[in-house]
Amino acid sequence: MKKTLIALAVLTVSSASFAQSTVTISGRMDATLRHTAKVAPGAANLAVTEDGGANRINFSVAEDLGGGMKAVADLGMRFQIADGIPQGSGARPLFQGESRVGVSGGFGLLKFGRGLTALQAPNGGYADPWGVRTSAGSAYAVGYATDYAAGGEGRIDGGIFYTSPNFNGFTFSASMSPKKNVSTAATAAAAVPAQANLNTGVVTAAVPAVVARAGGSSKTMQSLNLLYAAGPVVLGVGAENNRGNDKISQIYGTYDLGVAKLHASSATIKGGTQADRERGLGALTANLATSANVVGATTGPVAVNGKINNWTVGVTVPMGAVTILAGYSGWNGNGAVGQKDDTKTGLGLKYDLSKRTFLQTSYAVQTRKNNNATPADPSKDNTNQTSFDMGVVHSF
């Protein structure tokens, strides 16, 4: 009898403890039919896709620790609606969206793991009417990637993330990821061409050039953001540098007029040095015919020591169940092919079927300039690229 009572008491205490924890499952699913006028040779113009990688399942955990403190954990899976595999055709992490755990309290929120950085987390939804989704979404940070790894456009792994409490409308956020060590590559040697032995007739195969890189460590990834949100005004300013020492500084925000909401953003991106990228962004390839084969050295959204200026303006106009969206963005400077001196105009409509489900359609015209590095690819020529999509989105 005593054992039974003890077991019941333990079960009761355990149940009370577990009752303080909550697990929330949420997500978003959308299917979009998209037509792109000019595509690479052999590619299809029409595809069933999604509006910018929005398909996701999120798991959020919170436990009350008492004294106003909570333990929190978040996992975010991203997947492709057309085939169900992880985002990026399987190249990105399973938990591409987020994998973080931490604590919150009167001091703010502190998390550890992988996720959007301090600058990248808020600005997309404010800078761009589409939240950087659909074919019409304004490109508010062309030329910059938080991490060159797959899925690292706005996220970092091995990170520390902090968000302060709200002080009269002001919220401060900071994130960082420590340096990563880089091992020494192969010893430097010049390329040796194929040679024939005149005595034996035996041909010795060519030996490609290899390049050594001294062991070292990358730069520390750092991101800072200050956001003010009160009344009709949202204004943010932030700066970030990645492990290759590419830098971005940005100011963005919205103003709600009631009948319409205005969006705007301005950013400057600067590329790191050759040495910074060689130390910090992945091992060199053993066969190095040209510098273009250096993984993380000269490749990247912004050129070595390059500079890109980026701006965007937009508006959303709610009209009952219908919302009209429009945006115009431009970028110019020293970026990769397709990220040079372009402008983009986008128009869209959103129709709410319910609080959780809506239909959407958008149309975009991107004027491509100075993209003659691959003239055989019509998707990167110096004319206009048009795209159109329509789809349905459900959140749960």
Protein backbone atom coordinates (compact mmCIF):
# COMPACT_ATOMS: atom_id res chain seq x y z
CA MET A 1 0.00 0.00 0.00
CA LYS A 2 2.83 2.36 0.90
CA LYS A 3 4.55 1.67 -2.41
CA THR A 4 1.32 2.43 -4.22
CA LEU A 5 0.87 5.72 -2.35
CA ILE A 6 4.49 6.69 -3.01
CA ALA A 7 4.09 5.90 -6.71
CA LEU A 8 0.89 7.96 -6.86
CA ALA A 9 2.62 10.84 -5.08
CA VAL A 10 5.56 10.75 -7.51
CA LEU A 11 3.16 10.61 -10.46
CA THR A 12 1.20 13.55 -9.10
CA VAL A 13 4.34 15.64 -8.60
CA SER A 14 5.62 14.69 -12.05
CA SER A 15 2.30 15.57 -13.65
CA ALA A 16 2.32 18.95 -11.94
CA SER A 17 5.84 19.55 -13.19
CA PHE A 18 5.04 18.50 -16.75
CA ALA A 19 1.93 20.66 -16.73
CA GLN A 20 4.17 23.72 -16.56
CA SER A 21 5.70 22.90 -19.95
CA THR A 22 3.95 23.58 -23.23
CA VAL A 23 4.73 22.39 -26.73
CA THR A 24 3.25 24.30 -29.65
CA ILE A 25 3.21 23.04 -33.22
CA SER A 26 2.66 25.59 -35.95
CA GLY A 27 3.53 26.02 -39.58
CA ARG A 28 2.79 27.31 -43.01
CA MET A 29 2.12 25.54 -46.30
CA ASP A 30 1.85 27.16 -49.67
CA ALA A 31 1.79 25.94 -53.24
CA THR A 32 2.59 28.37 -56.03
CA LEU A 33 2.40 27.98 -59.78
CA ARG A 34 5.18 30.14 -61.22
CA HIS A 35 6.04 31.11 -64.79
CA THR A 36 9.44 32.61 -65.58
CA ALA A 37 9.88 34.09 -69.04
CA LYS A 38 13.60 33.45 -69.48
CA VAL A 39 15.33 30.43 -68.01
CA ALA A 40 18.66 28.66 -68.36
CA PRO A 41 19.06 26.30 -71.32
CA GLY A 42 17.09 23.12 -70.76
CA ALA A 43 15.18 24.50 -67.77
CA ALA A 44 11.37 24.70 -67.57
CA ASN A 45 9.46 27.99 -67.65
CA LEU A 46 6.57 26.67 -65.55
CA ALA A 47 6.90 25.04 -62.14
CA VAL A 48 4.94 24.18 -59.00
CA THR A 49 6.96 25.73 -56.21
CA GLU A 50 6.52 27.94 -53.14
CA ASP A 51 6.64 31.66 -52.50
CA GLY A 52 10.22 31.95 -51.32
CA GLY A 53 10.77 28.94 -49.08
CA ALA A 54 7.84 29.63 -46.77
CA ASN A 55 6.82 25.99 -46.20
CA ARG A 56 7.69 25.08 -42.65
CA ILE A 57 6.77 23.21 -39.47
CA ASN A 58 7.75 24.80 -36.15
CA PHE A 59 8.02 23.20 -32.72
CA SER A 60 8.14 25.63 -29.78
CA VAL A 61 8.67 24.59 -26.18
CA ALA A 62 8.31 26.71 -23.06
CA GLU A 63 8.72 25.73 -19.41
CA ASP A 64 7.90 28.01 -16.50
CA LEU A 65 10.95 28.12 -14.21
CA GLY A 66 9.38 30.48 -11.71
CA GLY A 67 10.38 34.00 -10.80
CA GLY A 68 9.40 35.27 -14.22
CA MET A 69 11.89 33.01 -16.03
CA LYS A 70 11.18 30.46 -18.74
CA ALA A 71 13.15 27.82 -20.56
CA VAL A 72 12.48 27.98 -24.30
CA ALA A 73 13.39 25.85 -27.30
CA ASP A 74 12.52 26.17 -30.98
CA LEU A 75 12.90 23.88 -33.97
CA GLY A 76 11.92 24.96 -37.48
CA MET A 77 11.83 22.55 -40.42
CA ARG A 78 11.74 23.89 -43.98
CA PHE A 79 10.58 21.72 -46.87
CA GLN A 80 9.62 21.90 -50.54
CA ILE A 81 5.91 21.57 -51.23
CA ALA A 82 6.43 19.98 -54.65
CA ASP A 83 8.33 16.91 -53.43
CA GLY A 84 8.41 17.07 -49.63
CA ILE A 85 12.19 17.00 -49.31
CA PRO A 86 14.14 19.51 -47.17
CA GLN A 87 14.54 22.98 -48.59
CA GLY A 88 17.19 23.60 -51.22
CA SER A 89 16.64 20.18 -52.84
CA GLY A 90 17.99 18.56 -49.69
CA ALA A 91 21.17 20.65 -49.51
CA ARG A 92 20.04 22.69 -46.52
CA PRO A 93 19.82 21.42 -42.91
CA LEU A 94 16.73 19.50 -41.82
CA PHE A 95 16.02 22.25 -39.29
CA GLN A 96 16.85 25.03 -41.73
CA GLY A 97 14.56 27.54 -40.06
CA GLU A 98 15.87 27.30 -36.52
CA SER A 99 17.35 25.00 -33.87
CA ARG A 100 17.84 26.99 -30.66
CA VAL A 101 17.39 26.61 -26.92
CA GLY A 102 17.66 29.21 -24.17
CA VAL A 103 16.06 31.14 -21.35
CA SER A 104 13.94 34.28 -21.04
CA GLY A 105 13.16 36.61 -18.19
CA GLY A 106 13.29 40.22 -17.11
CA PHE A 107 16.74 40.46 -18.69
CA GLY A 108 15.39 39.56 -22.13
CA LEU A 109 15.80 36.44 -24.27
CA LEU A 110 19.03 34.45 -24.63
CA LYS A 111 19.32 31.55 -27.08
CA PHE A 112 22.02 29.25 -28.42
CA GLY A 113 22.13 27.28 -31.68
CA ARG A 114 21.22 28.09 -35.28
CA GLY A 115 18.84 30.76 -36.49
CA LEU A 116 18.28 34.16 -38.06
CA THR A 117 20.71 36.82 -36.88
CA ALA A 118 19.84 40.03 -35.05
CA LEU A 119 19.73 42.07 -38.27
CA GLN A 120 18.18 39.45 -40.53
CA ALA A 121 15.32 38.35 -38.23
CA PRO A 122 13.13 41.47 -38.35
CA ASN A 123 14.02 43.46 -41.44
CA GLY A 124 12.51 41.36 -44.24
CA GLY A 125 8.94 41.83 -43.08
CA TYR A 126 9.40 45.58 -42.70
CA ALA A 127 11.64 46.38 -45.67
CA ASP A 128 9.62 44.36 -48.17
CA PRO A 129 5.81 44.22 -48.54
CA TRP A 130 6.06 40.52 -49.47
CA GLY A 131 8.44 39.61 -46.64
CA VAL A 132 11.04 38.53 -49.25
CA ARG A 133 8.61 36.01 -50.76
CA THR A 134 6.92 35.48 -54.14
CA SER A 135 8.51 36.39 -57.47
CA ALA A 136 7.64 40.06 -56.82
CA GLY A 137 9.41 40.25 -53.46
CA SER A 138 11.80 43.19 -53.26
CA ALA A 139 15.44 42.21 -52.94
CA TYR A 140 16.46 44.21 -49.88
CA ALA A 141 19.91 42.70 -49.25
CA VAL A 142 21.23 41.57 -52.63
CA GLY A 143 24.93 40.79 -52.43
CA TYR A 144 25.15 39.71 -48.82
CA ALA A 145 24.96 36.30 -47.11
CA THR A 146 25.27 35.75 -43.37
CA ASP A 147 26.97 32.44 -44.12
CA TYR A 148 28.13 30.98 -47.44
CA ALA A 149 27.00 27.50 -46.39
CA ALA A 150 23.79 26.16 -47.95
CA GLY A 151 20.82 27.88 -46.33
CA GLY A 152 23.00 30.53 -44.70
CA GLU A 153 21.62 33.56 -46.48
CA GLY A 154 20.28 35.03 -43.24
CA ARG A 155 21.16 32.39 -40.64
CA ILE A 156 24.24 31.34 -38.72
CA ASP A 157 25.09 28.14 -36.87
CA GLY A 158 26.93 27.82 -33.57
CA GLY A 159 25.48 31.16 -32.57
CA ILE A 160 24.60 33.11 -29.43
CA PHE A 161 21.46 35.24 -29.77
CA TYR A 162 20.20 37.96 -27.41
CA THR A 163 17.10 40.17 -27.54
CA SER A 164 16.46 42.82 -24.88
CA PRO A 165 13.12 43.66 -23.25
CA ASN A 166 11.09 46.43 -24.84
CA PHE A 167 12.07 49.86 -23.49
CA ASN A 168 9.45 52.44 -24.51
CA GLY A 169 9.29 50.99 -28.01
CA PHE A 170 13.01 50.23 -28.36
CA THR A 171 14.33 46.66 -28.64
CA PHE A 172 18.01 45.80 -28.99
CA SER A 173 19.24 42.52 -30.50
CA ALA A 174 22.71 41.04 -30.87
CA SER A 175 24.07 37.76 -32.17
CA MET A 176 27.50 36.30 -32.73
CA SER A 177 29.16 33.08 -33.77
CA PRO A 178 32.74 32.36 -32.67
CA LYS A 179 35.62 31.93 -35.07
CA LYS A 180 35.95 28.65 -36.88
CA ASN A 181 39.34 26.99 -37.24
CA VAL A 182 40.60 26.22 -40.73
CA SER A 183 43.00 23.36 -41.35
CA THR A 184 46.06 23.63 -43.59
CA ALA A 185 45.45 22.69 -47.22
CA ALA A 186 47.81 20.87 -49.58
CA THR A 187 51.37 22.12 -50.12
CA ALA A 188 51.72 24.63 -52.94
CA ALA A 189 53.03 23.27 -56.23
CA ALA A 190 52.94 24.41 -59.82
CA ALA A 191 50.96 22.54 -62.44
CA VAL A 192 52.94 19.91 -64.38
CA PRO A 193 51.76 19.21 -67.94
CA ALA A 194 51.45 15.72 -69.37
CA GLN A 195 54.84 14.39 -70.47
CA ALA A 196 56.02 11.53 -72.71
CA ASN A 197 59.16 9.54 -71.93
CA LEU A 198 61.10 9.43 -75.22
CA ASN A 199 62.84 6.20 -74.21
CA THR A 200 59.85 4.16 -73.08
CA GLY A 201 56.96 5.97 -74.79
CA VAL A 202 55.08 6.07 -71.50
CA VAL A 203 52.97 9.20 -71.04
CA THR A 204 52.85 10.67 -67.55
CA ALA A 205 49.52 12.29 -66.73
CA ALA A 206 49.33 15.99 -66.02
CA VAL A 207 49.51 17.08 -62.39
CA PRO A 208 47.19 20.02 -61.63
CA ALA A 209 48.31 22.92 -59.53
CA VAL A 210 47.58 22.76 -55.82
CA VAL A 211 47.58 25.61 -53.39
CA ALA A 212 48.42 25.66 -49.72
CA ARG A 213 46.67 27.79 -47.20
CA ALA A 214 48.14 28.34 -43.79
CA GLY A 215 46.00 27.06 -40.93
CA GLY A 216 44.09 29.79 -39.16
CA SER A 217 40.63 30.90 -38.16
CA SER A 218 37.78 32.84 -39.67
CA LYS A 219 36.44 36.15 -38.51
CA THR A 220 33.87 36.19 -35.73
CA MET A 221 30.32 36.60 -37.10
CA GLN A 222 28.66 39.61 -35.45
CA SER A 223 25.22 41.15 -35.89
CA LEU A 224 23.57 44.12 -34.14
CA ASN A 225 20.11 45.64 -34.54
CA LEU A 226 18.09 48.37 -32.87
CA LEU A 227 14.34 48.42 -33.55
CA TYR A 228 11.82 51.09 -32.62
CA ALA A 229 8.13 50.21 -32.89
CA ALA A 230 5.46 52.50 -31.49
CA GLY A 231 2.20 53.72 -32.96
CA PRO A 232 2.32 53.85 -36.76
CA VAL A 233 6.15 53.89 -36.92
CA VAL A 234 8.59 51.00 -37.17
CA LEU A 235 12.24 51.94 -37.68
CA GLY A 236 15.25 49.66 -37.57
CA VAL A 237 18.98 50.11 -38.01
CA GLY A 238 21.61 47.42 -37.91
CA ALA A 239 24.97 46.11 -39.06
CA GLU A 240 26.51 42.69 -39.54
CA ASN A 241 29.69 41.00 -40.73
CA ASN A 242 30.10 37.34 -41.64
CA ARG A 243 33.05 35.00 -41.15
CA GLY A 244 34.58 36.12 -44.45
CA ASN A 245 34.37 39.73 -43.22
CA ASP A 246 31.69 40.76 -45.73
CA LYS A 247 29.76 43.61 -44.10
CA ILE A 248 26.25 45.00 -44.38
CA SER A 249 24.77 48.13 -42.79
CA GLN A 250 21.07 48.85 -43.17
CA ILE A 251 18.24 51.14 -42.18
CA TYR A 252 14.65 50.04 -42.79
CA GLY A 253 11.11 50.58 -41.58
CA THR A 254 7.41 51.13 -42.19
CA TYR A 255 4.87 53.87 -41.61
CA ASP A 256 1.20 52.97 -41.27
CA LEU A 257 -1.09 55.64 -42.72
CA GLY A 258 -4.19 53.60 -41.93
CA VAL A 259 -5.32 53.41 -45.54
CA ALA A 260 -1.88 52.14 -46.59
CA LYS A 261 1.46 51.08 -45.12
CA LEU A 262 4.72 52.41 -46.57
CA HIS A 263 7.91 50.29 -46.63
CA ALA A 264 11.50 51.40 -47.23
CA SER A 265 15.05 50.14 -46.86
CA SER A 266 18.59 51.21 -47.71
CA ALA A 267 21.67 49.01 -47.35
CA THR A 268 25.37 49.02 -48.18
CA ILE A 269 27.29 45.76 -48.62
CA LYS A 270 31.10 45.54 -48.65
CA GLY A 271 33.09 42.45 -49.57
CA GLY A 272 35.89 41.05 -47.42
CA THR A 273 39.47 40.70 -48.53
CA GLN A 274 40.89 37.70 -50.36
CA ALA A 275 42.82 36.71 -47.23
CA ASP A 276 39.69 36.93 -45.06
CA ARG A 277 37.79 34.56 -47.33
CA GLU A 278 40.65 32.11 -47.69
CA ARG A 279 41.00 31.88 -43.92
CA GLY A 280 37.38 31.71 -43.08
CA LEU A 281 35.08 30.27 -45.70
CA GLY A 282 35.84 26.63 -46.39
CA ALA A 283 38.80 24.57 -47.58
CA LEU A 284 40.53 25.18 -50.88
CA THR A 285 40.05 22.62 -53.59
CA ALA A 286 43.08 20.45 -54.31
CA ASN A 287 42.81 20.98 -58.06
CA LEU A 288 43.07 24.70 -58.48
CA ALA A 289 43.27 25.70 -62.12
CA THR A 290 41.89 29.18 -61.45
CA SER A 291 40.89 31.23 -58.45
CA ALA A 292 37.24 30.55 -59.34
CA ASN A 293 37.77 27.02 -58.02
CA VAL A 294 38.58 28.28 -54.56
CA VAL A 295 35.59 27.45 -52.40
CA GLY A 296 34.76 30.51 -50.34
CA ALA A 297 37.72 32.52 -51.61
CA THR A 298 36.73 34.61 -54.61
CA THR A 299 33.22 33.22 -54.97
CA GLY A 300 30.37 34.86 -53.11
CA PRO A 301 27.45 37.21 -53.53
CA VAL A 302 29.69 40.28 -53.32
CA ALA A 303 33.13 40.39 -54.94
CA VAL A 304 36.35 40.53 -52.94
CA ASN A 305 36.71 44.15 -51.74
CA GLY A 306 33.53 44.92 -53.71
CA LYS A 307 30.69 47.25 -52.77
CA ILE A 308 26.95 47.11 -53.48
CA ASN A 309 24.34 49.75 -52.70
CA ASN A 310 20.81 48.47 -52.26
CA TRP A 311 17.46 50.17 -51.74
CA THR A 312 13.78 49.31 -51.83
CA VAL A 313 10.44 51.09 -51.44
CA GLY A 314 7.00 49.55 -51.28
CA VAL A 315 3.39 49.87 -50.17
CA THR A 316 0.60 47.60 -48.95
CA VAL A 317 -3.01 48.76 -49.25
CA PRO A 318 -5.65 46.79 -47.30
CA MET A 319 -9.14 46.85 -48.79
CA GLY A 320 -11.21 44.45 -46.72
CA ALA A 321 -10.34 40.89 -47.69
CA VAL A 322 -8.10 42.17 -50.50
CA THR A 323 -4.61 43.61 -50.04
CA ILE A 324 -2.72 45.31 -52.87
CA LEU A 325 1.09 45.14 -52.77
CA ALA A 326 3.65 47.07 -54.80
CA GLY A 327 7.42 47.43 -54.58
CA TYR A 328 10.40 48.80 -56.42
CA SER A 329 14.02 47.99 -55.62
CA GLY A 330 17.45 48.54 -57.07
CA TRP A 331 21.03 47.53 -56.47
CA ASN A 332 24.30 48.48 -58.05
CA GLY A 333 27.94 47.66 -57.50
CA ASN A 334 30.42 44.82 -57.63
CA GLY A 335 28.43 41.63 -57.16
CA ALA A 336 28.12 38.20 -58.71
CA VAL A 337 26.34 37.61 -62.01
CA GLY A 338 22.67 38.47 -61.53
CA GLN A 339 23.53 40.69 -58.56
CA LYS A 340 25.03 43.70 -60.29
CA ASP A 341 23.20 46.80 -61.52
CA ASP A 342 19.57 45.69 -61.59
CA THR A 343 16.15 47.14 -60.77
CA LYS A 344 12.98 45.25 -59.97
CA THR A 345 9.30 46.20 -60.01
CA GLY A 346 6.69 44.03 -58.32
CA LEU A 347 2.88 44.06 -58.11
CA GLY A 348 0.67 41.68 -56.18
CA LEU A 349 -2.75 40.84 -54.77
CA LYS A 350 -3.64 38.91 -51.63
CA TYR A 351 -7.18 37.67 -50.97
CA ASP A 352 -8.07 36.37 -47.49
CA LEU A 353 -10.36 33.35 -47.48
CA SER A 354 -10.10 33.16 -43.67
CA LYS A 355 -7.74 34.17 -40.88
CA ARG A 356 -5.45 31.28 -41.81
CA THR A 357 -5.87 30.85 -45.57
CA PHE A 358 -5.39 33.24 -48.48
CA LEU A 359 -4.90 33.31 -52.22
CA GLN A 360 -2.15 35.37 -53.79
CA THR A 361 -0.78 36.38 -57.15
CA SER A 362 2.15 38.54 -58.16
CA TYR A 363 3.97 39.85 -61.22
CA ALA A 364 7.54 41.10 -61.43
CA VAL A 365 9.82 42.71 -64.01
CA GLN A 366 13.55 42.71 -63.31
CA THR A 367 15.79 44.81 -65.53
CA ARG A 368 19.15 43.09 -65.80
CA LYS A 369 22.27 45.16 -66.48
CA ASN A 370 25.94 44.29 -66.82
CA ASN A 371 25.19 40.56 -66.67
CA ASN A 372 27.09 39.51 -69.77
CA ALA A 373 29.35 36.95 -68.10
CA THR A 374 27.09 34.14 -69.33
CA PRO A 375 25.56 35.41 -72.60
CA ALA A 376 24.41 31.89 -73.53
CA ASP A 377 22.03 31.91 -70.54
CA PRO A 378 18.97 34.06 -71.36
CA SER A 379 18.02 34.15 -67.68
CA LYS A 380 21.03 36.40 -67.12
CA ASP A 381 21.05 38.62 -70.19
CA ASN A 382 20.91 42.41 -70.31
CA THR A 383 17.17 42.73 -70.91
CA ASN A 384 14.05 42.34 -68.78
CA GLN A 385 13.20 39.17 -66.90
CA THR A 386 9.49 38.76 -66.15
CA SER A 387 7.83 36.30 -63.80
CA PHE A 388 4.29 35.58 -62.66
CA ASP A 389 2.93 33.38 -59.89
CA MET A 390 -0.34 32.46 -58.22
CA GLY A 391 -0.97 30.21 -55.26
CA VAL A 392 -2.70 29.36 -52.02
CA VAL A 393 -1.26 29.65 -48.49
CA HIS A 394 -2.50 28.07 -45.25
CA SER A 395 -1.07 28.68 -41.77
CA PHE A 396 -1.72 26.46 -38.76
